[in-house]
Amino acid sequence: QIEGENYFDPTTGFLYLLIRGTEPVDYKIQPSVVTKVGATIDIDNFFEGDVAGNIAALLGIDPSNIRVTNVVREGRKKRFAPTWDSSEDIVLELTIEPPPLANLSETATVSGTPTMDITELKSVVSKLTNGFQDGSIGSALGINVTSMATNEPIYVPTPEDMVG
């Protein structure tokens, strides 16, 4: 265990930190966009594509900013579906945020890409919403998108916000 290690539990919303010793620990909060996309997919071919890369191209952002965090099957296959029907209802969970910073005083991430600010993340939410409404998300991924839910990124106060 290393001082400063942390874990965010998305179910409870709690951030757990390992702090011990006498040295100060600096934490920088990075806002992120969490999106859940409901879809009907062809289970045999879904994992052959580059989901993160296709969404990144649609949104105009670096693919290293997107992580597929979970794929949840909605339920059992339809009881009377033909045997040739390999479609499946899923919920695809994505987190959009830049990789961690290489150093708290820098703006480059560990992958060498610039970090995303709150304005860029809000733009991502807008593009995701528009992409759901006009069908371009489904086209980019090659799936039938049936629903979408997106959390707005949290605003992280800056030192300038703290001035009286």
Protein backbone atom coordinates (compact mmCIF):
# COMPACT_ATOMS: atom_id res chain seq x y z
CA GLN A 1 0.00 0.00 0.00
CA ILE A 2 1.28 3.41 -0.99
CA GLU A 3 0.36 6.65 0.76
CA GLY A 4 -2.03 8.59 -1.41
CA GLU A 5 -3.66 5.56 -3.03
CA ASN A 6 -7.37 6.06 -3.54
CA TYR A 7 -10.50 4.34 -4.73
CA PHE A 8 -13.75 5.96 -5.80
CA ASP A 9 -16.83 3.80 -5.23
CA PRO A 10 -19.31 4.85 -7.95
CA THR A 11 -22.17 3.09 -6.17
CA THR A 12 -21.92 5.12 -2.96
CA GLY A 13 -20.10 8.17 -4.32
CA PHE A 14 -17.42 7.88 -1.61
CA LEU A 15 -13.73 8.47 -2.25
CA TYR A 16 -11.48 6.37 -0.04
CA LEU A 17 -7.95 7.68 0.58
CA LEU A 18 -4.92 6.08 2.19
CA ILE A 19 -3.21 8.80 4.20
CA ARG A 20 -0.53 8.21 6.83
CA GLY A 21 2.73 9.81 7.84
CA THR A 22 3.68 13.44 8.22
CA GLU A 23 4.02 14.51 4.59
CA PRO A 24 1.13 16.44 3.00
CA VAL A 25 -0.77 14.75 0.17
CA ASP A 26 -2.18 16.83 -2.68
CA TYR A 27 -5.23 15.58 -4.56
CA LYS A 28 -6.51 17.05 -7.77
CA ILE A 29 -10.12 16.35 -8.67
CA GLN A 30 -10.66 15.58 -12.34
CA PRO A 31 -14.21 15.97 -13.62
CA SER A 32 -15.46 13.20 -15.88
CA VAL A 33 -18.48 12.33 -17.98
CA VAL A 34 -20.18 9.01 -17.21
CA THR A 35 -22.53 7.74 -19.91
CA LYS A 36 -24.74 4.68 -20.11
CA VAL A 37 -25.92 3.63 -23.56
CA GLY A 38 -28.69 1.06 -23.92
CA ALA A 39 -28.47 -0.88 -27.16
CA THR A 40 -29.40 -4.00 -29.05
CA ILE A 41 -26.27 -5.57 -30.47
CA ASP A 42 -25.15 -8.58 -32.44
CA ILE A 43 -23.23 -10.28 -29.63
CA ASP A 44 -21.12 -12.29 -32.08
CA ASN A 45 -19.57 -9.18 -33.68
CA PHE A 46 -19.77 -6.45 -31.02
CA PHE A 47 -16.38 -6.97 -29.39
CA GLU A 48 -14.56 -7.08 -32.74
CA GLY A 49 -14.87 -3.28 -33.15
CA ASP A 50 -13.04 -0.48 -31.40
CA VAL A 51 -15.84 1.01 -29.28
CA ALA A 52 -13.71 3.68 -27.58
CA GLY A 53 -11.99 4.62 -30.84
CA ASN A 54 -15.29 4.94 -32.71
CA ILE A 55 -16.83 7.15 -30.01
CA ALA A 56 -13.64 9.25 -29.81
CA ALA A 57 -13.77 9.83 -33.58
CA LEU A 58 -17.44 10.83 -33.32
CA LEU A 59 -16.71 13.27 -30.46
CA GLY A 60 -13.42 14.56 -31.90
CA ILE A 61 -11.36 13.64 -28.81
CA ASP A 62 -8.34 11.46 -28.11
CA PRO A 63 -9.30 7.75 -27.64
CA SER A 64 -7.14 7.62 -24.47
CA ASN A 65 -9.84 9.79 -22.83
CA ILE A 66 -12.49 7.06 -23.12
CA ARG A 67 -12.78 3.88 -21.09
CA VAL A 68 -15.48 1.26 -21.47
CA THR A 69 -16.08 0.58 -17.78
CA ASN A 70 -18.81 -2.04 -18.02
CA VAL A 71 -21.02 -3.96 -20.43
CA VAL A 72 -24.14 -5.30 -18.74
CA ARG A 73 -26.53 -7.77 -20.33
CA GLU A 74 -30.06 -6.53 -19.85
CA GLY A 75 -31.59 -9.94 -19.47
CA ARG A 76 -31.92 -13.36 -20.91
CA LYS A 77 -32.26 -13.94 -24.61
CA LYS A 78 -35.78 -13.72 -25.87
CA ARG A 79 -37.51 -16.98 -25.16
CA PHE A 80 -38.95 -17.56 -28.59
CA ALA A 81 -36.21 -15.89 -30.62
CA PRO A 82 -35.04 -17.84 -33.66
CA THR A 83 -31.78 -19.70 -33.16
CA TRP A 84 -30.11 -17.56 -35.85
CA ASP A 85 -30.90 -14.38 -33.85
CA SER A 86 -27.75 -13.51 -31.88
CA SER A 87 -28.99 -10.07 -30.83
CA GLU A 88 -28.69 -9.08 -27.20
CA ASP A 89 -29.87 -6.07 -25.16
CA ILE A 90 -27.01 -4.45 -23.24
CA VAL A 91 -26.08 -1.33 -21.31
CA LEU A 92 -22.66 0.01 -22.27
CA GLU A 93 -21.08 2.15 -19.55
CA LEU A 94 -18.40 4.65 -20.58
CA THR A 95 -16.26 7.09 -18.64
CA ILE A 96 -14.81 10.04 -20.50
CA GLU A 97 -11.93 11.77 -18.76
CA PRO A 98 -8.27 12.36 -19.50
CA PRO A 99 -5.66 9.98 -18.13
CA PRO A 100 -4.05 11.09 -14.84
CA LEU A 101 -1.61 14.00 -14.83
CA ALA A 102 2.07 13.16 -14.89
CA ASN A 103 2.62 15.79 -12.20
CA LEU A 104 0.11 18.00 -10.36
CA SER A 105 1.90 21.14 -11.53
CA GLU A 106 1.74 20.16 -15.24
CA THR A 107 -1.05 20.05 -17.80
CA ALA A 108 0.15 16.98 -19.72
CA THR A 109 -1.23 13.56 -18.84
CA VAL A 110 0.80 10.38 -18.36
CA SER A 111 -0.01 9.50 -22.00
CA GLY A 112 1.41 12.87 -23.13
CA THR A 113 -1.95 14.28 -24.22
CA PRO A 114 -3.29 17.58 -22.89
CA THR A 115 -5.89 17.37 -20.14
CA MET A 116 -9.55 18.16 -20.79
CA ASP A 117 -11.14 21.09 -18.97
CA ILE A 118 -14.75 21.52 -17.82
CA THR A 119 -15.70 23.34 -21.04
CA GLU A 120 -14.44 20.48 -23.21
CA LEU A 121 -16.25 17.92 -21.05
CA LYS A 122 -19.52 19.88 -21.31
CA SER A 123 -19.01 19.93 -25.08
CA VAL A 124 -18.68 16.12 -24.96
CA VAL A 125 -22.04 15.88 -23.13
CA SER A 126 -23.63 18.08 -25.79
CA LYS A 127 -22.16 16.01 -28.64
CA LEU A 128 -23.26 12.76 -26.98
CA THR A 129 -26.81 14.08 -26.57
CA ASN A 130 -26.97 15.30 -30.16
CA GLY A 131 -25.43 12.02 -31.38
CA PHE A 132 -28.11 10.04 -29.56
CA GLN A 133 -30.89 12.23 -30.96
CA ASP A 134 -29.69 12.18 -34.57
CA GLY A 135 -28.63 8.50 -34.53
CA SER A 136 -24.93 9.09 -35.22
CA ILE A 137 -23.83 7.21 -32.06
CA GLY A 138 -25.58 4.07 -33.25
CA SER A 139 -24.14 4.49 -36.75
CA ALA A 140 -20.60 5.05 -35.43
CA LEU A 141 -20.78 1.94 -33.25
CA GLY A 142 -22.79 -0.20 -35.65
CA ILE A 143 -25.48 -0.88 -33.02
CA ASN A 144 -29.12 -0.02 -32.44
CA VAL A 145 -29.02 2.54 -29.59
CA THR A 146 -32.25 2.44 -27.59
CA SER A 147 -31.47 4.73 -24.63
CA MET A 148 -28.81 6.98 -23.19
CA ALA A 149 -28.16 8.61 -19.82
CA THR A 150 -25.28 11.00 -19.18
CA ASN A 151 -24.03 12.64 -15.98
CA GLU A 152 -22.77 16.22 -16.28
CA PRO A 153 -19.16 16.67 -15.18
CA ILE A 154 -18.74 18.21 -11.73
CA TYR A 155 -17.32 21.70 -11.52
CA VAL A 156 -13.95 21.77 -9.80
CA PRO A 157 -13.31 25.11 -8.06
CA THR A 158 -10.15 26.98 -8.97
CA PRO A 159 -8.03 29.09 -6.59
CA GLU A 160 -9.57 32.18 -8.22
CA ASP A 161 -13.03 31.00 -7.08
CA MET A 162 -11.83 31.05 -3.46
CA VAL A 163 -10.96 34.74 -3.47
CA GLY A 164 -13.40 36.59 -1.18
